[in-house]
Amino acid sequence: MGTITANDLKTKGVAAIEASLTNQQEAIVSVRGADRYVVMGMEHYQYLRECELEAALAQTRADLDNGRFVKESPEEHLARLDKLA
């Protein structure tokens, strides 16, 4: 993964990001020598979001398959939440 310095970003703007993403999907932005941010194109970001949603769905299905859920009325649910607070 390539690195864009904060100074490059300041002086070159979006052109620095575009150049860095020419041959890779993500680039690190470093600030004062420390890696602080990651930039990527929207298409890659949307793909990662879909992966997160698929993982959450798989975890939910596994919870349901293994009985890790609570079936209750809205009132019971609110009462249980009150006990947690």
N, C-alpha and C. Protein backbone atom coordinates (compact mmCIF):
# COMPACT_ATOMS: atom_id res chain seq x y z
N MET A 1 0.86 -1.17 0.00
CA MET A 1 0.00 0.00 0.00
C MET A 1 0.90 1.23 0.00
N GLY A 2 0.62 2.16 -0.88
CA GLY A 2 1.40 3.37 -0.98
C GLY A 2 1.08 4.35 0.13
N THR A 3 1.95 5.33 0.28
CA THR A 3 1.77 6.34 1.32
C THR A 3 1.75 7.73 0.69
N ILE A 4 0.85 8.54 1.17
CA ILE A 4 0.77 9.94 0.78
C ILE A 4 1.07 10.74 2.04
N THR A 5 2.01 11.65 1.96
CA THR A 5 2.29 12.48 3.13
C THR A 5 1.25 13.60 3.21
N ALA A 6 1.03 14.09 4.41
CA ALA A 6 0.11 15.20 4.59
C ALA A 6 0.57 16.40 3.79
N ASN A 7 1.88 16.59 3.69
CA ASN A 7 2.40 17.71 2.92
C ASN A 7 2.07 17.55 1.44
N ASP A 8 2.23 16.33 0.89
CA ASP A 8 1.84 16.09 -0.51
C ASP A 8 0.35 16.38 -0.71
N LEU A 9 -0.44 15.96 0.24
CA LEU A 9 -1.88 16.19 0.14
C LEU A 9 -2.18 17.68 0.18
N LYS A 10 -1.44 18.39 1.02
CA LYS A 10 -1.64 19.84 1.13
C LYS A 10 -1.24 20.56 -0.15
N THR A 11 -0.13 20.16 -0.73
CA THR A 11 0.37 20.88 -1.91
C THR A 11 -0.25 20.40 -3.21
N LYS A 12 -0.54 19.10 -3.32
CA LYS A 12 -1.05 18.54 -4.57
C LYS A 12 -2.54 18.27 -4.56
N GLY A 13 -3.14 18.23 -3.38
CA GLY A 13 -4.58 18.01 -3.27
C GLY A 13 -5.01 16.63 -3.75
N VAL A 14 -6.16 16.59 -4.37
CA VAL A 14 -6.76 15.34 -4.83
C VAL A 14 -5.87 14.65 -5.86
N ALA A 15 -5.06 15.40 -6.57
CA ALA A 15 -4.16 14.80 -7.56
C ALA A 15 -3.21 13.81 -6.89
N ALA A 16 -2.79 14.09 -5.67
CA ALA A 16 -1.91 13.16 -4.95
C ALA A 16 -2.64 11.85 -4.66
N ILE A 17 -3.90 11.94 -4.31
CA ILE A 17 -4.70 10.74 -4.05
C ILE A 17 -4.89 9.96 -5.35
N GLU A 18 -5.29 10.64 -6.39
CA GLU A 18 -5.52 9.98 -7.67
C GLU A 18 -4.27 9.28 -8.17
N ALA A 19 -3.11 9.92 -8.04
CA ALA A 19 -1.86 9.31 -8.48
C ALA A 19 -1.54 8.07 -7.65
N SER A 20 -1.78 8.15 -6.36
CA SER A 20 -1.47 7.03 -5.49
C SER A 20 -2.40 5.84 -5.74
N LEU A 21 -3.63 6.11 -6.15
CA LEU A 21 -4.60 5.04 -6.37
C LEU A 21 -4.58 4.49 -7.79
N THR A 22 -3.65 4.95 -8.60
CA THR A 22 -3.57 4.48 -9.98
C THR A 22 -3.33 2.98 -10.06
N ASN A 23 -2.44 2.45 -9.23
CA ASN A 23 -2.07 1.03 -9.30
C ASN A 23 -2.42 0.25 -8.05
N GLN A 24 -3.20 0.83 -7.17
CA GLN A 24 -3.59 0.13 -5.94
C GLN A 24 -4.95 0.64 -5.50
N GLN A 25 -5.59 -0.12 -4.62
CA GLN A 25 -6.95 0.23 -4.22
C GLN A 25 -7.00 1.14 -3.00
N GLU A 26 -5.93 1.16 -2.21
CA GLU A 26 -5.91 1.96 -0.99
C GLU A 26 -4.56 2.65 -0.86
N ALA A 27 -4.55 3.77 -0.17
CA ALA A 27 -3.30 4.47 0.12
C ALA A 27 -3.37 5.02 1.55
N ILE A 28 -2.25 4.99 2.22
CA ILE A 28 -2.15 5.50 3.59
C ILE A 28 -1.77 6.97 3.54
N VAL A 29 -2.38 7.78 4.38
CA VAL A 29 -1.99 9.17 4.53
C VAL A 29 -1.22 9.27 5.85
N SER A 30 0.02 9.73 5.75
CA SER A 30 0.84 9.86 6.96
C SER A 30 0.92 11.33 7.36
N VAL A 31 0.86 11.55 8.66
CA VAL A 31 0.95 12.89 9.22
C VAL A 31 2.12 12.91 10.18
N ARG A 32 3.11 13.73 9.88
CA ARG A 32 4.33 13.82 10.69
C ARG A 32 4.98 12.46 10.89
N GLY A 33 4.98 11.67 9.83
CA GLY A 33 5.64 10.37 9.86
C GLY A 33 4.82 9.23 10.43
N ALA A 34 3.63 9.51 10.93
CA ALA A 34 2.78 8.47 11.50
C ALA A 34 1.60 8.19 10.56
N ASP A 35 1.33 6.91 10.30
CA ASP A 35 0.18 6.54 9.47
C ASP A 35 -1.10 6.88 10.21
N ARG A 36 -1.96 7.70 9.57
CA ARG A 36 -3.15 8.17 10.27
C ARG A 36 -4.46 7.85 9.56
N TYR A 37 -4.45 7.81 8.24
CA TYR A 37 -5.69 7.63 7.50
C TYR A 37 -5.47 6.70 6.31
N VAL A 38 -6.57 6.19 5.77
CA VAL A 38 -6.54 5.40 4.55
C VAL A 38 -7.54 6.03 3.59
N VAL A 39 -7.12 6.19 2.35
CA VAL A 39 -8.04 6.69 1.32
C VAL A 39 -8.22 5.61 0.27
N MET A 40 -9.39 5.62 -0.34
CA MET A 40 -9.69 4.63 -1.38
C MET A 40 -10.78 5.19 -2.28
N GLY A 41 -10.93 4.59 -3.43
CA GLY A 41 -12.00 4.97 -4.34
C GLY A 41 -13.34 4.51 -3.81
N MET A 42 -14.40 5.17 -4.26
CA MET A 42 -15.76 4.83 -3.80
C MET A 42 -16.14 3.40 -4.13
N GLU A 43 -15.75 2.91 -5.28
CA GLU A 43 -16.11 1.54 -5.66
C GLU A 43 -15.53 0.54 -4.66
N HIS A 44 -14.28 0.73 -4.28
CA HIS A 44 -13.65 -0.18 -3.31
C HIS A 44 -14.29 -0.02 -1.93
N TYR A 45 -14.63 1.21 -1.55
CA TYR A 45 -15.29 1.47 -0.28
C TYR A 45 -16.65 0.76 -0.24
N GLN A 46 -17.42 0.86 -1.32
CA GLN A 46 -18.72 0.19 -1.37
C GLN A 46 -18.56 -1.32 -1.26
N TYR A 47 -17.52 -1.86 -1.90
CA TYR A 47 -17.25 -3.29 -1.80
C TYR A 47 -16.96 -3.69 -0.35
N LEU A 48 -16.15 -2.90 0.34
CA LEU A 48 -15.84 -3.21 1.74
C LEU A 48 -17.08 -3.11 2.62
N ARG A 49 -17.94 -2.14 2.36
CA ARG A 49 -19.18 -2.01 3.12
C ARG A 49 -20.06 -3.25 2.91
N GLU A 50 -20.14 -3.72 1.66
CA GLU A 50 -20.91 -4.93 1.38
C GLU A 50 -20.34 -6.12 2.14
N CYS A 51 -19.02 -6.21 2.19
CA CYS A 51 -18.37 -7.30 2.95
C CYS A 51 -18.74 -7.23 4.42
N GLU A 52 -18.75 -6.03 4.99
CA GLU A 52 -19.14 -5.86 6.40
C GLU A 52 -20.58 -6.32 6.62
N LEU A 53 -21.45 -5.94 5.71
CA LEU A 53 -22.86 -6.32 5.84
C LEU A 53 -23.04 -7.83 5.71
N GLU A 54 -22.32 -8.44 4.78
CA GLU A 54 -22.38 -9.90 4.62
C GLU A 54 -21.86 -10.61 5.88
N ALA A 55 -20.80 -10.08 6.47
CA ALA A 55 -20.26 -10.67 7.70
C ALA A 55 -21.26 -10.55 8.85
N ALA A 56 -21.92 -9.40 8.95
CA ALA A 56 -22.93 -9.21 9.99
C ALA A 56 -24.10 -10.16 9.79
N LEU A 57 -24.51 -10.34 8.54
CA LEU A 57 -25.60 -11.27 8.24
C LEU A 57 -25.21 -12.70 8.59
N ALA A 58 -23.98 -13.10 8.27
CA ALA A 58 -23.51 -14.44 8.59
C ALA A 58 -23.47 -14.65 10.10
N GLN A 59 -23.04 -13.62 10.84
CA GLN A 59 -22.99 -13.73 12.30
C GLN A 59 -24.41 -13.84 12.87
N THR A 60 -25.34 -13.08 12.32
CA THR A 60 -26.73 -13.14 12.78
C THR A 60 -27.32 -14.52 12.52
N ARG A 61 -27.07 -15.06 11.34
CA ARG A 61 -27.57 -16.41 11.03
C ARG A 61 -26.97 -17.44 11.98
N ALA A 62 -25.70 -17.32 12.28
CA ALA A 62 -25.05 -18.25 13.22
C ALA A 62 -25.67 -18.12 14.60
N ASP A 63 -25.94 -16.89 15.04
CA ASP A 63 -26.59 -16.68 16.34
C ASP A 63 -27.96 -17.35 16.37
N LEU A 64 -28.73 -17.17 15.31
CA LEU A 64 -30.05 -17.79 15.25
C LEU A 64 -29.95 -19.32 15.25
N ASP A 65 -29.02 -19.86 14.46
CA ASP A 65 -28.84 -21.31 14.39
C ASP A 65 -28.42 -21.92 15.72
N ASN A 66 -27.68 -21.13 16.53
CA ASN A 66 -27.16 -21.64 17.80
C ASN A 66 -27.99 -21.18 19.00
N GLY A 67 -29.16 -20.62 18.75
CA GLY A 67 -30.06 -20.25 19.84
C GLY A 67 -29.62 -19.03 20.63
N ARG A 68 -28.74 -18.22 20.07
CA ARG A 68 -28.28 -17.03 20.79
C ARG A 68 -29.17 -15.83 20.43
N PHE A 69 -30.39 -15.87 20.93
CA PHE A 69 -31.32 -14.77 20.71
C PHE A 69 -32.35 -14.79 21.82
N VAL A 70 -33.08 -13.68 21.93
CA VAL A 70 -34.12 -13.54 22.95
C VAL A 70 -35.41 -13.22 22.23
N LYS A 71 -36.46 -13.95 22.58
CA LYS A 71 -37.78 -13.69 22.01
C LYS A 71 -38.62 -13.09 23.13
N GLU A 72 -39.07 -11.82 22.93
CA GLU A 72 -39.80 -11.12 23.98
C GLU A 72 -40.67 -10.03 23.37
N SER A 73 -41.60 -9.55 24.16
CA SER A 73 -42.47 -8.45 23.73
C SER A 73 -41.67 -7.14 23.78
N PRO A 74 -42.20 -6.10 23.14
CA PRO A 74 -41.52 -4.80 23.24
C PRO A 74 -41.39 -4.32 24.68
N GLU A 75 -42.41 -4.55 25.47
CA GLU A 75 -42.37 -4.13 26.88
C GLU A 75 -41.29 -4.89 27.65
N GLU A 76 -41.21 -6.20 27.41
CA GLU A 76 -40.18 -7.01 28.07
C GLU A 76 -38.78 -6.56 27.62
N HIS A 77 -38.67 -6.23 26.37
CA HIS A 77 -37.38 -5.78 25.84
C HIS A 77 -36.94 -4.48 26.53
N LEU A 78 -37.87 -3.53 26.62
CA LEU A 78 -37.54 -2.26 27.28
C LEU A 78 -37.20 -2.46 28.75
N ALA A 79 -37.92 -3.35 29.42
CA ALA A 79 -37.63 -3.63 30.82
C ALA A 79 -36.24 -4.24 30.97
N ARG A 80 -35.88 -5.14 30.06
CA ARG A 80 -34.54 -5.75 30.11
C ARG A 80 -33.47 -4.71 29.86
N LEU A 81 -33.71 -3.78 28.94
CA LEU A 81 -32.76 -2.71 28.69
C LEU A 81 -32.60 -1.79 29.89
N ASP A 82 -33.71 -1.52 30.58
CA ASP A 82 -33.64 -0.68 31.78
C ASP A 82 -32.75 -1.31 32.84
N LYS A 83 -32.80 -2.63 32.95
CA LYS A 83 -31.97 -3.33 33.94
C LYS A 83 -30.48 -3.25 33.60
N LEU A 84 -30.16 -3.10 32.31
CA LEU A 84 -28.76 -3.01 31.89
C LEU A 84 -28.17 -1.65 32.17
N ALA A 85 -29.01 -0.64 32.24
CA ALA A 85 -28.51 0.75 32.42
C ALA A 85 -28.13 1.06 33.83
